[in-house]
Amino acid sequence: MSGTGQMLASKWDAAYGVVVFIRVLLGHLPTWAKVTIYVLLGAMALGEGYQWWRGRKKAVR
């Protein structure tokens, strides 16, 4: 804690906030729609990770 009574946030607080926001945003949707959205987001994340890994591998050569 600093002298002003404010506490610094950890590096995971923003990520946790985003996850909670998404859960609340998608909370009213049916299960099939949530699964579809999560699968699409997961596929996008895997694709971005693969592109990053491939670009990193090319940079080493």
PDB file of N, CA and C in Angstrom:
ATOM      1  N   MET A   1       0.832  -1.182   0.000  1.00  0.00           N
ATOM      2  CA  MET A   1       0.000   0.000   0.000  1.00  0.00           C
ATOM      3  C   MET A   1       0.876   1.245   0.000  1.00  0.00           C
ATOM      4  N   SER A   2       0.446   2.218  -0.721  1.00  0.00           N
ATOM      5  CA  SER A   2       1.200   3.467  -0.746  1.00  0.00           C
ATOM      6  C   SER A   2       0.656   4.401   0.334  1.00  0.00           C
ATOM      7  N   GLY A   3       1.289   5.532   0.498  1.00  0.00           N
ATOM      8  CA  GLY A   3       0.898   6.468   1.537  1.00  0.00           C
ATOM      9  C   GLY A   3      -0.453   7.124   1.316  1.00  0.00           C
ATOM     10  N   THR A   4      -1.008   7.040   0.100  1.00  0.00           N
ATOM     11  CA  THR A   4      -2.283   7.700  -0.191  1.00  0.00           C
ATOM     12  C   THR A   4      -3.477   6.798   0.098  1.00  0.00           C
ATOM     13  N   GLY A   5      -3.228   5.574   0.553  1.00  0.00           N
ATOM     14  CA  GLY A   5      -4.324   4.664   0.836  1.00  0.00           C
ATOM     15  C   GLY A   5      -4.792   3.883  -0.375  1.00  0.00           C
ATOM     16  N   GLN A   6      -4.053   3.950  -1.466  1.00  0.00           N
ATOM     17  CA  GLN A   6      -4.422   3.208  -2.667  1.00  0.00           C
ATOM     18  C   GLN A   6      -3.512   1.996  -2.807  1.00  0.00           C
ATOM     19  N   MET A   7      -4.071   0.923  -3.342  1.00  0.00           N
ATOM     20  CA  MET A   7      -3.293  -0.293  -3.518  1.00  0.00           C
ATOM     21  C   MET A   7      -3.025  -0.503  -5.013  1.00  0.00           C
ATOM     22  N   LEU A   8      -1.830  -0.928  -5.336  1.00  0.00           N
ATOM     23  CA  LEU A   8      -1.503  -1.209  -6.725  1.00  0.00           C
ATOM     24  C   LEU A   8      -2.123  -2.535  -7.141  1.00  0.00           C
ATOM     25  N   ALA A   9      -2.602  -2.611  -8.365  1.00  0.00           N
ATOM     26  CA  ALA A   9      -3.216  -3.831  -8.880  1.00  0.00           C
ATOM     27  C   ALA A   9      -2.127  -4.787  -9.347  1.00  0.00           C
ATOM     28  N   SER A  10      -2.410  -6.079  -9.250  1.00  0.00           N
ATOM     29  CA  SER A  10      -1.469  -7.060  -9.780  1.00  0.00           C
ATOM     30  C   SER A  10      -1.633  -7.119 -11.292  1.00  0.00           C
ATOM     31  N   LYS A  11      -0.704  -7.790 -11.953  1.00  0.00           N
ATOM     32  CA  LYS A  11      -0.760  -7.858 -13.413  1.00  0.00           C
ATOM     33  C   LYS A  11      -1.922  -8.728 -13.896  1.00  0.00           C
ATOM     34  N   TRP A  12      -2.518  -9.536 -13.030  1.00  0.00           N
ATOM     35  CA  TRP A  12      -3.614 -10.408 -13.422  1.00  0.00           C
ATOM     36  C   TRP A  12      -4.981  -9.790 -13.175  1.00  0.00           C
ATOM     37  N   ASP A  13      -5.058  -8.648 -12.504  1.00  0.00           N
ATOM     38  CA  ASP A  13      -6.352  -8.033 -12.215  1.00  0.00           C
ATOM     39  C   ASP A  13      -7.099  -7.627 -13.481  1.00  0.00           C
ATOM     40  N   ALA A  14      -6.401  -7.110 -14.468  1.00  0.00           N
ATOM     41  CA  ALA A  14      -7.056  -6.702 -15.713  1.00  0.00           C
ATOM     42  C   ALA A  14      -7.598  -7.917 -16.461  1.00  0.00           C
ATOM     43  N   ALA A  15      -6.823  -8.985 -16.523  1.00  0.00           N
ATOM     44  CA  ALA A  15      -7.273 -10.206 -17.207  1.00  0.00           C
ATOM     45  C   ALA A  15      -8.485 -10.798 -16.488  1.00  0.00           C
ATOM     46  N   TYR A  16      -8.464 -10.809 -15.165  1.00  0.00           N
ATOM     47  CA  TYR A  16      -9.598 -11.307 -14.389  1.00  0.00           C
ATOM     48  C   TYR A  16     -10.844 -10.460 -14.656  1.00  0.00           C
ATOM     49  N   GLY A  17     -10.673  -9.167 -14.721  1.00  0.00           N
ATOM     50  CA  GLY A  17     -11.789  -8.267 -15.011  1.00  0.00           C
ATOM     51  C   GLY A  17     -12.400  -8.532 -16.377  1.00  0.00           C
ATOM     52  N   VAL A  18     -11.565  -8.794 -17.362  1.00  0.00           N
ATOM     53  CA  VAL A  18     -12.060  -9.090 -18.712  1.00  0.00           C
ATOM     54  C   VAL A  18     -12.841 -10.402 -18.715  1.00  0.00           C
ATOM     55  N   VAL A  19     -12.319 -11.418 -18.029  1.00  0.00           N
ATOM     56  CA  VAL A  19     -13.007 -12.714 -17.968  1.00  0.00           C
ATOM     57  C   VAL A  19     -14.366 -12.574 -17.280  1.00  0.00           C
ATOM     58  N   VAL A  20     -14.416 -11.850 -16.182  1.00  0.00           N
ATOM     59  CA  VAL A  20     -15.687 -11.644 -15.480  1.00  0.00           C
ATOM     60  C   VAL A  20     -16.662 -10.873 -16.367  1.00  0.00           C
ATOM     61  N   PHE A  21     -16.186  -9.857 -17.068  1.00  0.00           N
ATOM     62  CA  PHE A  21     -17.035  -9.088 -17.973  1.00  0.00           C
ATOM     63  C   PHE A  21     -17.637  -9.984 -19.057  1.00  0.00           C
ATOM     64  N   ILE A  22     -16.817 -10.851 -19.643  1.00  0.00           N
ATOM     65  CA  ILE A  22     -17.297 -11.740 -20.705  1.00  0.00           C
ATOM     66  C   ILE A  22     -18.311 -12.736 -20.154  1.00  0.00           C
ATOM     67  N   ARG A  23     -18.044 -13.269 -18.955  1.00  0.00           N
ATOM     68  CA  ARG A  23     -18.997 -14.212 -18.357  1.00  0.00           C
ATOM     69  C   ARG A  23     -20.344 -13.553 -18.095  1.00  0.00           C
ATOM     70  N   VAL A  24     -20.331 -12.325 -17.619  1.00  0.00           N
ATOM     71  CA  VAL A  24     -21.586 -11.616 -17.372  1.00  0.00           C
ATOM     72  C   VAL A  24     -22.271 -11.287 -18.694  1.00  0.00           C
ATOM     73  N   LEU A  25     -21.490 -10.870 -19.679  1.00  0.00           N
ATOM     74  CA  LEU A  25     -22.036 -10.514 -20.984  1.00  0.00           C
ATOM     75  C   LEU A  25     -22.701 -11.712 -21.659  1.00  0.00           C
ATOM     76  N   LEU A  26     -22.083 -12.889 -21.541  1.00  0.00           N
ATOM     77  CA  LEU A  26     -22.608 -14.086 -22.194  1.00  0.00           C
ATOM     78  C   LEU A  26     -23.502 -14.913 -21.289  1.00  0.00           C
ATOM     79  N   GLY A  27     -23.729 -14.474 -20.069  1.00  0.00           N
ATOM     80  CA  GLY A  27     -24.460 -15.258 -19.086  1.00  0.00           C
ATOM     81  C   GLY A  27     -25.883 -15.592 -19.473  1.00  0.00           C
ATOM     82  N   HIS A  28     -26.549 -14.768 -20.232  1.00  0.00           N
ATOM     83  CA  HIS A  28     -27.950 -15.004 -20.571  1.00  0.00           C
ATOM     84  C   HIS A  28     -28.127 -15.842 -21.837  1.00  0.00           C
ATOM     85  N   LEU A  29     -27.042 -16.145 -22.526  1.00  0.00           N
ATOM     86  CA  LEU A  29     -27.134 -16.908 -23.775  1.00  0.00           C
ATOM     87  C   LEU A  29     -27.326 -18.396 -23.491  1.00  0.00           C
ATOM     88  N   PRO A  30     -27.937 -19.130 -24.421  1.00  0.00           N
ATOM     89  CA  PRO A  30     -28.050 -20.585 -24.260  1.00  0.00           C
ATOM     90  C   PRO A  30     -26.671 -21.243 -24.341  1.00  0.00           C
ATOM     91  N   THR A  31     -26.580 -22.442 -23.810  1.00  0.00           N
ATOM     92  CA  THR A  31     -25.298 -23.145 -23.737  1.00  0.00           C
ATOM     93  C   THR A  31     -24.668 -23.344 -25.111  1.00  0.00           C
ATOM     94  N   TRP A  32     -25.467 -23.693 -26.116  1.00  0.00           N
ATOM     95  CA  TRP A  32     -24.902 -23.943 -27.439  1.00  0.00           C
ATOM     96  C   TRP A  32     -24.247 -22.687 -28.004  1.00  0.00           C
ATOM     97  N   ALA A  33     -24.812 -21.524 -27.725  1.00  0.00           N
ATOM     98  CA  ALA A  33     -24.234 -20.279 -28.232  1.00  0.00           C
ATOM     99  C   ALA A  33     -22.931 -19.964 -27.501  1.00  0.00           C
ATOM    100  N   LYS A  34     -22.902 -20.189 -26.184  1.00  0.00           N
ATOM    101  CA  LYS A  34     -21.671 -19.962 -25.418  1.00  0.00           C
ATOM    102  C   LYS A  34     -20.553 -20.867 -25.908  1.00  0.00           C
ATOM    103  N   VAL A  35     -20.878 -22.146 -26.122  1.00  0.00           N
ATOM    104  CA  VAL A  35     -19.859 -23.096 -26.581  1.00  0.00           C
ATOM    105  C   VAL A  35     -19.333 -22.676 -27.948  1.00  0.00           C
ATOM    106  N   THR A  36     -20.216 -22.258 -28.836  1.00  0.00           N
ATOM    107  CA  THR A  36     -19.792 -21.817 -30.165  1.00  0.00           C
ATOM    108  C   THR A  36     -18.847 -20.619 -30.069  1.00  0.00           C
ATOM    109  N   ILE A  37     -19.192 -19.648 -29.245  1.00  0.00           N
ATOM    110  CA  ILE A  37     -18.357 -18.452 -29.092  1.00  0.00           C
ATOM    111  C   ILE A  37     -17.009 -18.812 -28.485  1.00  0.00           C
ATOM    112  N   TYR A  38     -17.022 -19.658 -27.447  1.00  0.00           N
ATOM    113  CA  TYR A  38     -15.755 -20.056 -26.815  1.00  0.00           C
ATOM    114  C   TYR A  38     -14.870 -20.847 -27.765  1.00  0.00           C
ATOM    115  N   VAL A  39     -15.469 -21.710 -28.594  1.00  0.00           N
ATOM    116  CA  VAL A  39     -14.679 -22.475 -29.563  1.00  0.00           C
ATOM    117  C   VAL A  39     -14.063 -21.544 -30.601  1.00  0.00           C
ATOM    118  N   LEU A  40     -14.830 -20.589 -31.085  1.00  0.00           N
ATOM    119  CA  LEU A  40     -14.292 -19.635 -32.064  1.00  0.00           C
ATOM    120  C   LEU A  40     -13.169 -18.795 -31.463  1.00  0.00           C
ATOM    121  N   LEU A  41     -13.353 -18.319 -30.236  1.00  0.00           N
ATOM    122  CA  LEU A  41     -12.298 -17.541 -29.575  1.00  0.00           C
ATOM    123  C   LEU A  41     -11.052 -18.384 -29.329  1.00  0.00           C
ATOM    124  N   GLY A  42     -11.254 -19.635 -28.930  1.00  0.00           N
ATOM    125  CA  GLY A  42     -10.122 -20.532 -28.719  1.00  0.00           C
ATOM    126  C   GLY A  42      -9.361 -20.809 -30.007  1.00  0.00           C
ATOM    127  N   ALA A  43     -10.093 -21.012 -31.093  1.00  0.00           N
ATOM    128  CA  ALA A  43      -9.458 -21.252 -32.393  1.00  0.00           C
ATOM    129  C   ALA A  43      -8.664 -20.030 -32.838  1.00  0.00           C
ATOM    130  N   MET A  44      -9.230 -18.841 -32.600  1.00  0.00           N
ATOM    131  CA  MET A  44      -8.506 -17.617 -32.954  1.00  0.00           C
ATOM    132  C   MET A  44      -7.236 -17.479 -32.121  1.00  0.00           C
ATOM    133  N   ALA A  45      -7.323 -17.780 -30.836  1.00  0.00           N
ATOM    134  CA  ALA A  45      -6.150 -17.688 -29.962  1.00  0.00           C
ATOM    135  C   ALA A  45      -5.072 -18.682 -30.388  1.00  0.00           C
ATOM    136  N   LEU A  46      -5.485 -19.908 -30.726  1.00  0.00           N
ATOM    137  CA  LEU A  46      -4.506 -20.899 -31.192  1.00  0.00           C
ATOM    138  C   LEU A  46      -3.867 -20.470 -32.512  1.00  0.00           C
ATOM    139  N   GLY A  47      -4.661 -19.921 -33.414  1.00  0.00           N
ATOM    140  CA  GLY A  47      -4.123 -19.443 -34.692  1.00  0.00           C
ATOM    141  C   GLY A  47      -3.131 -18.311 -34.503  1.00  0.00           C
ATOM    142  N   GLU A  48      -3.461 -17.366 -33.623  1.00  0.00           N
ATOM    143  CA  GLU A  48      -2.534 -16.259 -33.345  1.00  0.00           C
ATOM    144  C   GLU A  48      -1.246 -16.769 -32.693  1.00  0.00           C
ATOM    145  N   GLY A  49      -1.400 -17.714 -31.771  1.00  0.00           N
ATOM    146  CA  GLY A  49      -0.216 -18.292 -31.129  1.00  0.00           C
ATOM    147  C   GLY A  49       0.670 -19.019 -32.125  1.00  0.00           C
ATOM    148  N   TYR A  50       0.059 -19.751 -33.048  1.00  0.00           N
ATOM    149  CA  TYR A  50       0.832 -20.446 -34.072  1.00  0.00           C
ATOM    150  C   TYR A  50       1.545 -19.458 -34.983  1.00  0.00           C
ATOM    151  N   GLN A  51       0.863 -18.401 -35.395  1.00  0.00           N
ATOM    152  CA  GLN A  51       1.500 -17.397 -36.247  1.00  0.00           C
ATOM    153  C   GLN A  51       2.664 -16.726 -35.526  1.00  0.00           C
ATOM    154  N   TRP A  52       2.495 -16.442 -34.249  1.00  0.00           N
ATOM    155  CA  TRP A  52       3.578 -15.840 -33.468  1.00  0.00           C
ATOM    156  C   TRP A  52       4.759 -16.792 -33.379  1.00  0.00           C
ATOM    157  N   TRP A  53       4.476 -18.077 -33.105  1.00  0.00           N
ATOM    158  CA  TRP A  53       5.530 -19.075 -32.973  1.00  0.00           C
ATOM    159  C   TRP A  53       6.260 -19.270 -34.305  1.00  0.00           C
ATOM    160  N   ARG A  54       5.503 -19.275 -35.405  1.00  0.00           N
ATOM    161  CA  ARG A  54       6.105 -19.434 -36.725  1.00  0.00           C
ATOM    162  C   ARG A  54       6.981 -18.229 -37.080  1.00  0.00           C
ATOM    163  N   GLY A  55       6.503 -17.026 -36.771  1.00  0.00           N
ATOM    164  CA  GLY A  55       7.299 -15.827 -37.028  1.00  0.00           C
ATOM    165  C   GLY A  55       8.548 -15.788 -36.178  1.00  0.00           C
ATOM    166  N   ARG A  56       8.441 -16.251 -34.952  1.00  0.00           N
ATOM    167  CA  ARG A  56       9.608 -16.300 -34.069  1.00  0.00           C
ATOM    168  C   ARG A  56      10.628 -17.310 -34.584  1.00  0.00           C
ATOM    169  N   LYS A  57      10.127 -18.424 -35.087  1.00  0.00           N
ATOM    170  CA  LYS A  57      11.008 -19.473 -35.613  1.00  0.00           C
ATOM    171  C   LYS A  57      11.747 -18.955 -36.859  1.00  0.00           C
ATOM    172  N   LYS A  58      11.045 -18.201 -37.716  1.00  0.00           N
ATOM    173  CA  LYS A  58      11.677 -17.648 -38.925  1.00  0.00           C
ATOM    174  C   LYS A  58      12.723 -16.606 -38.584  1.00  0.00           C
ATOM    175  N   ALA A  59      12.494 -15.840 -37.516  1.00  0.00           N
ATOM    176  CA  ALA A  59      13.418 -14.785 -37.130  1.00  0.00           C
ATOM    177  C   ALA A  59      14.742 -15.349 -36.626  1.00  0.00           C
ATOM    178  N   VAL A  60      14.717 -16.564 -36.088  1.00  0.00           N
ATOM    179  CA  VAL A  60      15.925 -17.181 -35.542  1.00  0.00           C
ATOM    180  C   VAL A  60      16.855 -17.606 -36.665  1.00  0.00           C
ATOM    181  N   ARG A  61      16.314 -18.046 -37.775  1.00  0.00           N
ATOM    182  CA  ARG A  61      17.139 -18.546 -38.873  1.00  0.00           C
ATOM    183  C   ARG A  61      17.936 -17.485 -39.530  1.00  0.00           C
TER     184      ARG A  61
END
